Amino acid sequence: MYAVIGKKIKKIRTSKHLTQAVLAKRAKISVPFLSFLENGRKKGSLDTYMRLAKSLNIPLHSLFTGK
């Protein structure tokens, strides 16, 4: 499940032409941690996913659903 969420984060980030550094700064996480999340090697807290969703300007539930 975390690998799927990570792929969604990466896909949305790249579609918005954001670098990992920019998104990480907006979400107040480190670039290595964002990389781990995008590759499914780490799982984030709900707070982390909330900050990422807000930074990507998407609803939180879209990270967890097919929509």
N, C-alpha and C. Protein backbone atom coordinates (compact mmCIF):
# COMPACT_ATOMS: atom_id res chain seq x y z
N MET A 1 0.82 -1.19 0.00
CA MET A 1 0.00 0.00 0.00
C MET A 1 0.87 1.26 0.00
N TYR A 2 1.93 1.27 0.80
CA TYR A 2 2.77 2.46 0.87
C TYR A 2 3.50 2.73 -0.43
N ALA A 3 3.83 1.67 -1.17
CA ALA A 3 4.47 1.86 -2.47
C ALA A 3 3.50 2.52 -3.44
N VAL A 4 2.22 2.15 -3.38
CA VAL A 4 1.21 2.75 -4.25
C VAL A 4 1.03 4.23 -3.91
N ILE A 5 0.97 4.55 -2.63
CA ILE A 5 0.84 5.94 -2.20
C ILE A 5 2.06 6.74 -2.65
N GLY A 6 3.23 6.16 -2.48
CA GLY A 6 4.47 6.84 -2.90
C GLY A 6 4.49 7.13 -4.38
N LYS A 7 4.03 6.17 -5.18
CA LYS A 7 3.97 6.39 -6.63
C LYS A 7 3.01 7.51 -6.98
N LYS A 8 1.89 7.59 -6.25
CA LYS A 8 0.93 8.67 -6.49
C LYS A 8 1.55 10.02 -6.16
N ILE A 9 2.25 10.09 -5.03
CA ILE A 9 2.91 11.35 -4.65
C ILE A 9 3.88 11.77 -5.73
N LYS A 10 4.70 10.84 -6.17
CA LYS A 10 5.70 11.16 -7.20
C LYS A 10 5.04 11.60 -8.50
N LYS A 11 3.99 10.87 -8.91
CA LYS A 11 3.31 11.21 -10.16
C LYS A 11 2.70 12.61 -10.09
N ILE A 12 2.06 12.93 -8.99
CA ILE A 12 1.45 14.25 -8.84
C ILE A 12 2.53 15.33 -8.76
N ARG A 13 3.59 15.04 -8.01
CA ARG A 13 4.69 16.01 -7.88
C ARG A 13 5.29 16.33 -9.24
N THR A 14 5.58 15.29 -10.02
CA THR A 14 6.20 15.54 -11.32
C THR A 14 5.23 16.20 -12.31
N SER A 15 3.94 15.89 -12.19
CA SER A 15 2.96 16.52 -13.08
C SER A 15 2.83 18.01 -12.79
N LYS A 16 3.18 18.40 -11.58
CA LYS A 16 3.15 19.82 -11.20
C LYS A 16 4.52 20.47 -11.36
N HIS A 17 5.45 19.73 -11.94
CA HIS A 17 6.81 20.22 -12.21
C HIS A 17 7.52 20.68 -10.95
N LEU A 18 7.34 19.91 -9.88
CA LEU A 18 8.00 20.21 -8.61
C LEU A 18 9.16 19.25 -8.41
N THR A 19 10.25 19.76 -7.89
CA THR A 19 11.36 18.89 -7.52
C THR A 19 11.09 18.31 -6.14
N GLN A 20 11.81 17.27 -5.80
CA GLN A 20 11.68 16.71 -4.46
C GLN A 20 12.06 17.77 -3.42
N ALA A 21 13.06 18.57 -3.72
CA ALA A 21 13.51 19.59 -2.77
C ALA A 21 12.40 20.61 -2.49
N VAL A 22 11.71 21.03 -3.52
CA VAL A 22 10.65 22.01 -3.35
C VAL A 22 9.49 21.43 -2.55
N LEU A 23 9.05 20.22 -2.91
CA LEU A 23 7.94 19.61 -2.20
C LEU A 23 8.32 19.31 -0.75
N ALA A 24 9.51 18.81 -0.54
CA ALA A 24 9.96 18.51 0.83
C ALA A 24 9.96 19.77 1.68
N LYS A 25 10.43 20.87 1.12
CA LYS A 25 10.46 22.13 1.87
C LYS A 25 9.05 22.58 2.21
N ARG A 26 8.14 22.51 1.24
CA ARG A 26 6.75 22.91 1.48
C ARG A 26 6.09 22.06 2.55
N ALA A 27 6.39 20.75 2.54
CA ALA A 27 5.77 19.83 3.48
C ALA A 27 6.55 19.72 4.80
N LYS A 28 7.67 20.41 4.87
CA LYS A 28 8.51 20.43 6.08
C LYS A 28 9.01 19.03 6.45
N ILE A 29 9.51 18.33 5.40
CA ILE A 29 10.17 17.05 5.61
C ILE A 29 11.50 17.08 4.85
N SER A 30 12.36 16.13 5.12
CA SER A 30 13.66 16.11 4.42
C SER A 30 13.51 15.49 3.03
N VAL A 31 14.42 15.86 2.16
CA VAL A 31 14.42 15.30 0.80
C VAL A 31 14.63 13.77 0.84
N PRO A 32 15.59 13.28 1.65
CA PRO A 32 15.73 11.81 1.70
C PRO A 32 14.46 11.10 2.17
N PHE A 33 13.76 11.68 3.14
CA PHE A 33 12.53 11.05 3.62
C PHE A 33 11.47 11.05 2.53
N LEU A 34 11.34 12.14 1.79
CA LEU A 34 10.40 12.18 0.67
C LEU A 34 10.76 11.12 -0.36
N SER A 35 12.03 10.97 -0.64
CA SER A 35 12.47 9.94 -1.58
C SER A 35 12.09 8.55 -1.09
N PHE A 36 12.30 8.28 0.19
CA PHE A 36 11.91 6.99 0.77
C PHE A 36 10.40 6.77 0.65
N LEU A 37 9.62 7.83 0.90
CA LEU A 37 8.16 7.72 0.78
C LEU A 37 7.76 7.41 -0.66
N GLU A 38 8.33 8.15 -1.60
CA GLU A 38 7.98 7.96 -3.01
C GLU A 38 8.35 6.56 -3.51
N ASN A 39 9.38 5.99 -2.94
CA ASN A 39 9.82 4.66 -3.36
C ASN A 39 9.24 3.54 -2.51
N GLY A 40 8.38 3.89 -1.56
CA GLY A 40 7.71 2.89 -0.74
C GLY A 40 8.60 2.21 0.27
N ARG A 41 9.77 2.79 0.55
CA ARG A 41 10.69 2.18 1.51
C ARG A 41 10.42 2.61 2.95
N LYS A 42 9.65 3.66 3.12
CA LYS A 42 9.25 4.14 4.44
C LYS A 42 7.77 4.46 4.40
N LYS A 43 7.16 4.47 5.57
CA LYS A 43 5.77 4.90 5.65
C LYS A 43 5.72 6.17 6.46
N GLY A 44 4.85 7.07 6.06
CA GLY A 44 4.72 8.33 6.75
C GLY A 44 3.57 8.31 7.74
N SER A 45 3.56 9.29 8.59
CA SER A 45 2.44 9.45 9.52
C SER A 45 1.28 10.13 8.78
N LEU A 46 0.13 10.10 9.38
CA LEU A 46 -1.02 10.78 8.78
C LEU A 46 -0.71 12.26 8.64
N ASP A 47 -0.04 12.83 9.62
CA ASP A 47 0.34 14.25 9.56
C ASP A 47 1.24 14.51 8.35
N THR A 48 2.17 13.63 8.10
CA THR A 48 3.06 13.81 6.94
C THR A 48 2.28 13.77 5.64
N TYR A 49 1.37 12.80 5.52
CA TYR A 49 0.56 12.72 4.30
C TYR A 49 -0.36 13.93 4.16
N MET A 50 -0.84 14.44 5.28
CA MET A 50 -1.68 15.65 5.23
C MET A 50 -0.87 16.83 4.72
N ARG A 51 0.36 16.98 5.20
CA ARG A 51 1.20 18.10 4.75
C ARG A 51 1.58 17.95 3.29
N LEU A 52 1.85 16.72 2.86
CA LEU A 52 2.16 16.51 1.45
C LEU A 52 0.96 16.84 0.57
N ALA A 53 -0.21 16.36 0.96
CA ALA A 53 -1.43 16.66 0.18
C ALA A 53 -1.67 18.15 0.09
N LYS A 54 -1.53 18.84 1.21
CA LYS A 54 -1.72 20.29 1.21
C LYS A 54 -0.68 20.97 0.32
N SER A 55 0.55 20.51 0.39
CA SER A 55 1.62 21.10 -0.42
C SER A 55 1.42 20.84 -1.91
N LEU A 56 0.76 19.73 -2.23
CA LEU A 56 0.45 19.41 -3.62
C LEU A 56 -0.89 19.98 -4.07
N ASN A 57 -1.61 20.59 -3.13
CA ASN A 57 -2.92 21.18 -3.41
C ASN A 57 -3.92 20.13 -3.89
N ILE A 58 -3.95 19.00 -3.18
CA ILE A 58 -4.87 17.92 -3.49
C ILE A 58 -5.57 17.50 -2.20
N PRO A 59 -6.75 16.89 -2.30
CA PRO A 59 -7.40 16.38 -1.09
C PRO A 59 -6.64 15.16 -0.56
N LEU A 60 -6.55 15.05 0.74
CA LEU A 60 -5.82 13.96 1.38
C LEU A 60 -6.30 12.59 0.89
N HIS A 61 -7.62 12.42 0.79
CA HIS A 61 -8.15 11.11 0.42
C HIS A 61 -7.67 10.64 -0.95
N SER A 62 -7.27 11.56 -1.81
CA SER A 62 -6.83 11.15 -3.15
C SER A 62 -5.54 10.35 -3.11
N LEU A 63 -4.78 10.46 -2.02
CA LEU A 63 -3.58 9.65 -1.89
C LEU A 63 -3.91 8.20 -1.58
N PHE A 64 -5.09 7.98 -0.99
CA PHE A 64 -5.46 6.66 -0.51
C PHE A 64 -6.52 5.97 -1.38
N THR A 65 -7.01 6.68 -2.38
CA THR A 65 -8.04 6.11 -3.26
C THR A 65 -7.54 6.12 -4.70
N GLY A 66 -8.30 5.51 -5.55
CA GLY A 66 -7.94 5.47 -6.97
C GLY A 66 -8.27 6.75 -7.71
N LYS A 67 -8.87 7.70 -7.03
CA LYS A 67 -9.32 8.94 -7.69
C LYS A 67 -8.29 10.02 -7.57
